[in-house]
Amino acid sequence: MRRLEPLLAPAVFVAMVAALWFIFMVVPTERQMGIVQRIFYFHVASAWLAYAGFFTVAGASAVYLWKGSAAADRAALAGAEIGVLFCTFVVVTGPIWARPIWGVWWTWDPRLTMTLILWAIYAGYLMLRAFGGDDEAVARYAAVLGIVGVLDIPVIRVSVRLLHGIHPNVLNQPQGSGLSDPTMRLALLVASVAMLLLGGWLAMVRMRQERLSSELAALRRLAEERA
């Protein structure tokens, strides 16, 4: 991972420039939704990155509970921070897109509601980690929350079909959702790759920061013991 980190920063830059070029220079303007539809590429790609972050929390938390790995605990924390950051971006860009299309900033659509609940679960995870101290029991309680919280994602995925919400099922209903043109699908792919690279780079930076903080705290404790 340390060898990959220097390569990720330029890769993120190139991918982001490519995504912006596709979104604002290549893809046509959607006929029904107009220019506001271009938010779609950031909105959906951010949602997928948020899901990836939360699945990382669940997987790393399971490893932490099983083996007590400090590295897994750091990965879970980094995944939660990235997931909440980009889930916030999803919750913010969604109403901007919805206002001219639906006529309202917010509606209690099943997918929107469950996404807000998902954000609240992992925001609670971060609050528990931030204010619970360095107690191992707190880390274990947070790990359980991180595993249970990810169960909300399958509910979000099936909510459009089972609960008949107004939020479009983008992948299965491309017409009218922003994927009617082949270049739109390509732009979404490029934007998603750019977001995933960005998320991976941020996770590596955050895990390194946590590792250095832990090592510094250990050195301080050692110095206090010897003083």
C-alpha atoms as a PDB file:
ATOM      1  CA  MET A   1       0.000   0.000   0.000  1.00  0.00           C
ATOM      2  CA  ARG A   2       2.882   2.406   0.741  1.00  0.00           C
ATOM      3  CA  ARG A   3       4.230   1.833  -2.762  1.00  0.00           C
ATOM      4  CA  LEU A   4       0.842   2.485  -4.339  1.00  0.00           C
ATOM      5  CA  GLU A   5       0.131   5.722  -2.481  1.00  0.00           C
ATOM      6  CA  PRO A   6       2.524   7.956  -4.515  1.00  0.00           C
ATOM      7  CA  LEU A   7       1.000   6.615  -7.727  1.00  0.00           C
ATOM      8  CA  LEU A   8      -2.594   7.221  -6.674  1.00  0.00           C
ATOM      9  CA  ALA A   9      -2.381  11.016  -6.463  1.00  0.00           C
ATOM     10  CA  PRO A  10      -1.498  11.536 -10.164  1.00  0.00           C
ATOM     11  CA  ALA A  11      -3.954   8.775 -11.123  1.00  0.00           C
ATOM     12  CA  VAL A  12      -6.718  10.602  -9.249  1.00  0.00           C
ATOM     13  CA  PHE A  13      -5.837  13.868 -11.002  1.00  0.00           C
ATOM     14  CA  VAL A  14      -5.904  12.298 -14.468  1.00  0.00           C
ATOM     15  CA  ALA A  15      -9.147  10.420 -13.764  1.00  0.00           C
ATOM     16  CA  MET A  16     -10.855  13.529 -12.382  1.00  0.00           C
ATOM     17  CA  VAL A  17      -9.842  15.641 -15.374  1.00  0.00           C
ATOM     18  CA  ALA A  18     -11.109  12.909 -17.706  1.00  0.00           C
ATOM     19  CA  ALA A  19     -14.399  12.695 -15.800  1.00  0.00           C
ATOM     20  CA  LEU A  20     -14.934  16.468 -15.927  1.00  0.00           C
ATOM     21  CA  TRP A  21     -14.120  16.502 -19.633  1.00  0.00           C
ATOM     22  CA  PHE A  22     -16.669  13.775 -20.331  1.00  0.00           C
ATOM     23  CA  ILE A  23     -19.357  15.362 -18.149  1.00  0.00           C
ATOM     24  CA  PHE A  24     -19.089  18.936 -19.419  1.00  0.00           C
ATOM     25  CA  MET A  25     -17.655  18.545 -22.921  1.00  0.00           C
ATOM     26  CA  VAL A  26     -18.719  15.162 -24.332  1.00  0.00           C
ATOM     27  CA  VAL A  27     -22.086  13.977 -23.048  1.00  0.00           C
ATOM     28  CA  PRO A  28     -25.198  15.571 -24.568  1.00  0.00           C
ATOM     29  CA  THR A  29     -27.642  17.527 -22.464  1.00  0.00           C
ATOM     30  CA  GLU A  30     -30.529  15.290 -21.397  1.00  0.00           C
ATOM     31  CA  ARG A  31     -33.665  16.351 -23.287  1.00  0.00           C
ATOM     32  CA  GLN A  32     -36.160  16.132 -20.427  1.00  0.00           C
ATOM     33  CA  MET A  33     -34.088  17.208 -17.401  1.00  0.00           C
ATOM     34  CA  GLY A  34     -31.772  19.683 -19.070  1.00  0.00           C
ATOM     35  CA  ILE A  35     -28.425  20.899 -17.755  1.00  0.00           C
ATOM     36  CA  VAL A  36     -29.153  19.939 -14.138  1.00  0.00           C
ATOM     37  CA  GLN A  37     -28.928  16.283 -15.151  1.00  0.00           C
ATOM     38  CA  ARG A  38     -25.125  16.601 -15.203  1.00  0.00           C
ATOM     39  CA  ILE A  39     -25.203  16.425 -11.413  1.00  0.00           C
ATOM     40  CA  PHE A  40     -26.214  12.811 -11.983  1.00  0.00           C
ATOM     41  CA  TYR A  41     -22.634  11.675 -12.684  1.00  0.00           C
ATOM     42  CA  PHE A  42     -21.297  13.091  -9.417  1.00  0.00           C
ATOM     43  CA  HIS A  43     -24.365  11.986  -7.473  1.00  0.00           C
ATOM     44  CA  VAL A  44     -24.337   8.340  -8.533  1.00  0.00           C
ATOM     45  CA  ALA A  45     -20.541   7.940  -8.429  1.00  0.00           C
ATOM     46  CA  SER A  46     -20.487   9.419  -4.922  1.00  0.00           C
ATOM     47  CA  ALA A  47     -23.206   6.997  -3.825  1.00  0.00           C
ATOM     48  CA  TRP A  48     -21.180   4.030  -5.067  1.00  0.00           C
ATOM     49  CA  LEU A  49     -18.075   5.308  -3.287  1.00  0.00           C
ATOM     50  CA  ALA A  50     -20.079   5.772  -0.093  1.00  0.00           C
ATOM     51  CA  TYR A  51     -21.288   2.168  -0.367  1.00  0.00           C
ATOM     52  CA  ALA A  52     -17.697   1.010  -0.908  1.00  0.00           C
ATOM     53  CA  GLY A  53     -16.638   2.911   2.196  1.00  0.00           C
ATOM     54  CA  PHE A  54     -19.367   1.381   4.326  1.00  0.00           C
ATOM     55  CA  PHE A  55     -18.657  -2.136   3.064  1.00  0.00           C
ATOM     56  CA  THR A  56     -15.018  -1.492   3.966  1.00  0.00           C
ATOM     57  CA  VAL A  57     -16.155  -0.592   7.489  1.00  0.00           C
ATOM     58  CA  ALA A  58     -18.107  -3.829   7.779  1.00  0.00           C
ATOM     59  CA  GLY A  59     -15.327  -6.042   6.412  1.00  0.00           C
ATOM     60  CA  ALA A  60     -12.533  -4.390   8.386  1.00  0.00           C
ATOM     61  CA  SER A  61     -14.671  -4.398  11.546  1.00  0.00           C
ATOM     62  CA  ALA A  62     -15.280  -8.124  11.187  1.00  0.00           C
ATOM     63  CA  VAL A  63     -11.517  -8.692  10.909  1.00  0.00           C
ATOM     64  CA  TYR A  64     -10.941  -6.486  13.942  1.00  0.00           C
ATOM     65  CA  LEU A  65     -13.459  -8.420  16.040  1.00  0.00           C
ATOM     66  CA  TRP A  66     -11.949 -11.703  14.893  1.00  0.00           C
ATOM     67  CA  LYS A  67      -8.237 -10.959  15.167  1.00  0.00           C
ATOM     68  CA  GLY A  68      -8.010  -7.690  17.071  1.00  0.00           C
ATOM     69  CA  SER A  69      -5.967  -6.174  14.237  1.00  0.00           C
ATOM     70  CA  ALA A  70      -5.138  -2.507  14.751  1.00  0.00           C
ATOM     71  CA  ALA A  71      -4.651  -2.108  10.988  1.00  0.00           C
ATOM     72  CA  ALA A  72      -8.175  -3.411  10.378  1.00  0.00           C
ATOM     73  CA  ASP A  73      -9.525  -0.963  12.945  1.00  0.00           C
ATOM     74  CA  ARG A  74      -7.775   1.907  11.161  1.00  0.00           C
ATOM     75  CA  ALA A  75      -9.194   0.724   7.832  1.00  0.00           C
ATOM     76  CA  ALA A  76     -12.691   0.657   9.324  1.00  0.00           C
ATOM     77  CA  LEU A  77     -12.340   4.206  10.637  1.00  0.00           C
ATOM     78  CA  ALA A  78     -11.007   5.474   7.308  1.00  0.00           C
ATOM     79  CA  GLY A  79     -13.820   3.719   5.442  1.00  0.00           C
ATOM     80  CA  ALA A  80     -16.425   5.286   7.718  1.00  0.00           C
ATOM     81  CA  GLU A  81     -15.020   8.775   7.252  1.00  0.00           C
ATOM     82  CA  ILE A  82     -14.940   8.419   3.472  1.00  0.00           C
ATOM     83  CA  GLY A  83     -18.391   6.827   3.411  1.00  0.00           C
ATOM     84  CA  VAL A  84     -19.963   9.588   5.493  1.00  0.00           C
ATOM     85  CA  LEU A  85     -18.194  12.299   3.468  1.00  0.00           C
ATOM     86  CA  PHE A  86     -19.479  11.051   0.138  1.00  0.00           C
ATOM     87  CA  CYS A  87     -22.875  10.035   1.503  1.00  0.00           C
ATOM     88  CA  THR A  88     -23.198  13.662   2.626  1.00  0.00           C
ATOM     89  CA  PHE A  89     -22.366  14.677  -0.936  1.00  0.00           C
ATOM     90  CA  VAL A  90     -25.120  12.346  -2.167  1.00  0.00           C
ATOM     91  CA  VAL A  91     -27.678  13.820   0.243  1.00  0.00           C
ATOM     92  CA  VAL A  92     -26.703  17.365  -0.797  1.00  0.00           C
ATOM     93  CA  THR A  93     -26.604  16.847  -4.583  1.00  0.00           C
ATOM     94  CA  GLY A  94     -29.824  14.825  -4.609  1.00  0.00           C
ATOM     95  CA  PRO A  95     -32.099  17.758  -3.671  1.00  0.00           C
ATOM     96  CA  ILE A  96     -30.271  20.068  -6.090  1.00  0.00           C
ATOM     97  CA  TRP A  97     -31.096  17.599  -8.841  1.00  0.00           C
ATOM     98  CA  ALA A  98     -34.614  16.884  -7.548  1.00  0.00           C
ATOM     99  CA  ARG A  99     -35.838  20.468  -7.158  1.00  0.00           C
ATOM    100  CA  PRO A 100     -36.237  21.291 -10.865  1.00  0.00           C
ATOM    101  CA  ILE A 101     -37.333  17.731 -11.729  1.00  0.00           C
ATOM    102  CA  TRP A 102     -39.750  16.828  -8.904  1.00  0.00           C
ATOM    103  CA  GLY A 103     -40.654  20.370  -7.851  1.00  0.00           C
ATOM    104  CA  VAL A 104     -39.529  19.828  -4.246  1.00  0.00           C
ATOM    105  CA  TRP A 105     -36.176  19.787  -2.478  1.00  0.00           C
ATOM    106  CA  TRP A 106     -36.974  16.672  -0.463  1.00  0.00           C
ATOM    107  CA  THR A 107     -39.593  13.956  -0.375  1.00  0.00           C
ATOM    108  CA  TRP A 108     -39.756  10.951   1.918  1.00  0.00           C
ATOM    109  CA  ASP A 109     -39.146   8.546  -0.930  1.00  0.00           C
ATOM    110  CA  PRO A 110     -38.049   5.103   0.389  1.00  0.00           C
ATOM    111  CA  ARG A 111     -34.578   5.292  -1.164  1.00  0.00           C
ATOM    112  CA  LEU A 112     -33.991   8.843   0.039  1.00  0.00           C
ATOM    113  CA  THR A 113     -35.197   7.987   3.538  1.00  0.00           C
ATOM    114  CA  MET A 114     -33.063   4.846   3.822  1.00  0.00           C
ATOM    115  CA  THR A 115     -30.032   6.726   2.509  1.00  0.00           C
ATOM    116  CA  LEU A 116     -30.518   9.355   5.201  1.00  0.00           C
ATOM    117  CA  ILE A 117     -30.755   6.570   7.793  1.00  0.00           C
ATOM    118  CA  LEU A 118     -27.543   5.053   6.421  1.00  0.00           C
ATOM    119  CA  TRP A 119     -25.797   8.407   6.789  1.00  0.00           C
ATOM    120  CA  ALA A 120     -27.071   8.724  10.381  1.00  0.00           C
ATOM    121  CA  ILE A 121     -25.828   5.232  11.306  1.00  0.00           C
ATOM    122  CA  TYR A 122     -22.273   5.885  10.224  1.00  0.00           C
ATOM    123  CA  ALA A 123     -22.289   9.455  11.506  1.00  0.00           C
ATOM    124  CA  GLY A 124     -23.132   7.830  14.843  1.00  0.00           C
ATOM    125  CA  TYR A 125     -20.219   5.444  14.304  1.00  0.00           C
ATOM    126  CA  LEU A 126     -17.849   8.385  13.864  1.00  0.00           C
ATOM    127  CA  MET A 127     -19.246  10.160  16.919  1.00  0.00           C
ATOM    128  CA  LEU A 128     -18.750   7.019  18.983  1.00  0.00           C
ATOM    129  CA  ARG A 129     -15.136   6.758  17.811  1.00  0.00           C
ATOM    130  CA  ALA A 130     -14.500  10.475  18.345  1.00  0.00           C
ATOM    131  CA  PHE A 131     -16.010  10.866  21.825  1.00  0.00           C
ATOM    132  CA  GLY A 132     -15.745   7.336  23.223  1.00  0.00           C
ATOM    133  CA  GLY A 133     -12.012   7.545  23.893  1.00  0.00           C
ATOM    134  CA  ASP A 134      -9.344   4.928  23.253  1.00  0.00           C
ATOM    135  CA  ASP A 135     -11.092   2.178  25.207  1.00  0.00           C
ATOM    136  CA  GLU A 136     -10.985  -1.140  23.349  1.00  0.00           C
ATOM    137  CA  ALA A 137     -14.608  -1.804  24.310  1.00  0.00           C
ATOM    138  CA  VAL A 138     -15.652   1.360  22.443  1.00  0.00           C
ATOM    139  CA  ALA A 139     -13.835   0.168  19.331  1.00  0.00           C
ATOM    140  CA  ARG A 140     -15.632  -3.164  19.567  1.00  0.00           C
ATOM    141  CA  TYR A 141     -19.046  -1.544  20.015  1.00  0.00           C
ATOM    142  CA  ALA A 142     -18.299   0.649  16.993  1.00  0.00           C
ATOM    143  CA  ALA A 143     -17.234  -2.420  15.002  1.00  0.00           C
ATOM    144  CA  VAL A 144     -20.572  -4.094  15.702  1.00  0.00           C
ATOM    145  CA  LEU A 145     -22.402  -0.935  14.616  1.00  0.00           C
ATOM    146  CA  GLY A 146     -20.296  -0.798  11.452  1.00  0.00           C
ATOM    147  CA  ILE A 147     -21.259  -4.365  10.564  1.00  0.00           C
ATOM    148  CA  VAL A 148     -24.963  -4.008  11.342  1.00  0.00           C
ATOM    149  CA  GLY A 149     -25.244  -0.646   9.579  1.00  0.00           C
ATOM    150  CA  VAL A 150     -24.197  -2.047   6.201  1.00  0.00           C
ATOM    151  CA  LEU A 151     -27.381  -4.119   6.112  1.00  0.00           C
ATOM    152  CA  ASP A 152     -29.193  -0.914   5.192  1.00  0.00           C
ATOM    153  CA  ILE A 153     -27.508  -0.865   1.760  1.00  0.00           C
ATOM    154  CA  PRO A 154     -29.390  -3.886   0.327  1.00  0.00           C
ATOM    155  CA  VAL A 155     -32.599  -2.292   1.590  1.00  0.00           C
ATOM    156  CA  ILE A 156     -31.754   0.860  -0.357  1.00  0.00           C
ATOM    157  CA  ARG A 157     -31.027  -1.144  -3.487  1.00  0.00           C
ATOM    158  CA  VAL A 158     -34.378  -2.964  -3.491  1.00  0.00           C
ATOM    159  CA  SER A 159     -36.504  -0.111  -2.138  1.00  0.00           C
ATOM    160  CA  VAL A 160     -37.338   1.227  -5.608  1.00  0.00           C
ATOM    161  CA  ARG A 161     -38.717  -2.150  -6.724  1.00  0.00           C
ATOM    162  CA  LEU A 162     -40.476  -3.272  -3.568  1.00  0.00           C
ATOM    163  CA  LEU A 163     -41.768   0.035  -2.191  1.00  0.00           C
ATOM    164  CA  HIS A 164     -42.502   1.734  -5.537  1.00  0.00           C
ATOM    165  CA  GLY A 165     -40.706   5.000  -4.823  1.00  0.00           C
ATOM    166  CA  ILE A 166     -40.285   7.811  -7.332  1.00  0.00           C
ATOM    167  CA  HIS A 167     -36.485   7.645  -7.323  1.00  0.00           C
ATOM    168  CA  PRO A 168     -35.403   6.183 -10.695  1.00  0.00           C
ATOM    169  CA  ASN A 169     -33.756   2.785 -10.914  1.00  0.00           C
ATOM    170  CA  VAL A 170     -30.852   4.072 -12.963  1.00  0.00           C
ATOM    171  CA  LEU A 171     -29.204   0.865 -14.095  1.00  0.00           C
ATOM    172  CA  ASN A 172     -32.379  -1.034 -14.966  1.00  0.00           C
ATOM    173  CA  GLN A 173     -34.311   1.913 -16.412  1.00  0.00           C
ATOM    174  CA  PRO A 174     -31.804   3.977 -18.416  1.00  0.00           C
ATOM    175  CA  GLN A 175     -34.454   5.892 -20.332  1.00  0.00           C
ATOM    176  CA  GLY A 176     -35.268   9.108 -18.520  1.00  0.00           C
ATOM    177  CA  SER A 177     -32.685   8.538 -15.795  1.00  0.00           C
ATOM    178  CA  GLY A 178     -29.574   9.874 -17.497  1.00  0.00           C
ATOM    179  CA  LEU A 179     -28.202   6.831 -19.329  1.00  0.00           C
ATOM    180  CA  SER A 180     -30.114   6.976 -22.604  1.00  0.00           C
ATOM    181  CA  ASP A 181     -26.991   7.834 -24.632  1.00  0.00           C
ATOM    182  CA  PRO A 182     -23.920   5.533 -24.784  1.00  0.00           C
ATOM    183  CA  THR A 183     -21.599   8.440 -23.948  1.00  0.00           C
ATOM    184  CA  MET A 184     -23.601   9.002 -20.762  1.00  0.00           C
ATOM    185  CA  ARG A 185     -22.865   5.458 -19.633  1.00  0.00           C
ATOM    186  CA  LEU A 186     -19.189   5.944 -20.465  1.00  0.00           C
ATOM    187  CA  ALA A 187     -19.127   9.223 -18.535  1.00  0.00           C
ATOM    188  CA  LEU A 188     -20.670   7.508 -15.517  1.00  0.00           C
ATOM    189  CA  LEU A 189     -18.026   4.779 -15.714  1.00  0.00           C
ATOM    190  CA  VAL A 190     -15.179   7.297 -15.893  1.00  0.00           C
ATOM    191  CA  ALA A 191     -16.640   9.353 -13.037  1.00  0.00           C
ATOM    192  CA  SER A 192     -17.068   6.229 -10.917  1.00  0.00           C
ATOM    193  CA  VAL A 193     -13.460   5.148 -11.510  1.00  0.00           C
ATOM    194  CA  ALA A 194     -12.283   8.655 -10.608  1.00  0.00           C
ATOM    195  CA  MET A 195     -14.293   8.617  -7.392  1.00  0.00           C
ATOM    196  CA  LEU A 196     -13.064   5.147  -6.410  1.00  0.00           C
ATOM    197  CA  LEU A 197      -9.450   6.190  -6.998  1.00  0.00           C
ATOM    198  CA  LEU A 198     -10.041   9.303  -4.918  1.00  0.00           C
ATOM    199  CA  GLY A 199     -11.576   7.223  -2.146  1.00  0.00           C
ATOM    200  CA  GLY A 200      -8.694   4.758  -2.186  1.00  0.00           C
ATOM    201  CA  TRP A 201      -6.128   7.551  -2.020  1.00  0.00           C
ATOM    202  CA  LEU A 202      -7.921   9.296   0.852  1.00  0.00           C
ATOM    203  CA  ALA A 203      -8.196   5.996   2.724  1.00  0.00           C
ATOM    204  CA  MET A 204      -4.470   5.342   2.429  1.00  0.00           C
ATOM    205  CA  VAL A 205      -3.623   8.851   3.615  1.00  0.00           C
ATOM    206  CA  ARG A 206      -6.036   8.587   6.548  1.00  0.00           C
ATOM    207  CA  MET A 207      -4.770   5.140   7.604  1.00  0.00           C
ATOM    208  CA  ARG A 208      -1.178   6.363   7.505  1.00  0.00           C
ATOM    209  CA  GLN A 209      -2.152   9.337   9.629  1.00  0.00           C
ATOM    210  CA  GLU A 210      -3.837   7.088  12.189  1.00  0.00           C
ATOM    211  CA  ARG A 211      -0.842   4.748  12.271  1.00  0.00           C
ATOM    212  CA  LEU A 212       1.563   7.624  12.869  1.00  0.00           C
ATOM    213  CA  SER A 213      -0.720   9.007  15.594  1.00  0.00           C
ATOM    214  CA  SER A 214      -0.747   5.615  17.325  1.00  0.00           C
ATOM    215  CA  GLU A 215       3.045   5.343  17.115  1.00  0.00           C
ATOM    216  CA  LEU A 216       3.442   8.877  18.487  1.00  0.00           C
ATOM    217  CA  ALA A 217       1.094   8.128  21.373  1.00  0.00           C
ATOM    218  CA  ALA A 218       3.073   4.964  22.174  1.00  0.00           C
ATOM    219  CA  LEU A 219       6.339   6.941  22.201  1.00  0.00           C
ATOM    220  CA  ARG A 220       4.811   9.525  24.530  1.00  0.00           C
ATOM    221  CA  ARG A 221       3.662   6.821  26.941  1.00  0.00           C
ATOM    222  CA  LEU A 222       7.139   5.268  26.857  1.00  0.00           C
ATOM    223  CA  ALA A 223       8.741   8.630  27.550  1.00  0.00           C
ATOM    224  CA  GLU A 224       6.385   9.234  30.485  1.00  0.00           C
ATOM    225  CA  GLU A 225       7.199   5.836  31.953  1.00  0.00           C
ATOM    226  CA  ARG A 226      10.925   6.498  31.748  1.00  0.00           C
ATOM    227  CA  ALA A 227      10.679  10.032  33.140  1.00  0.00           C
END
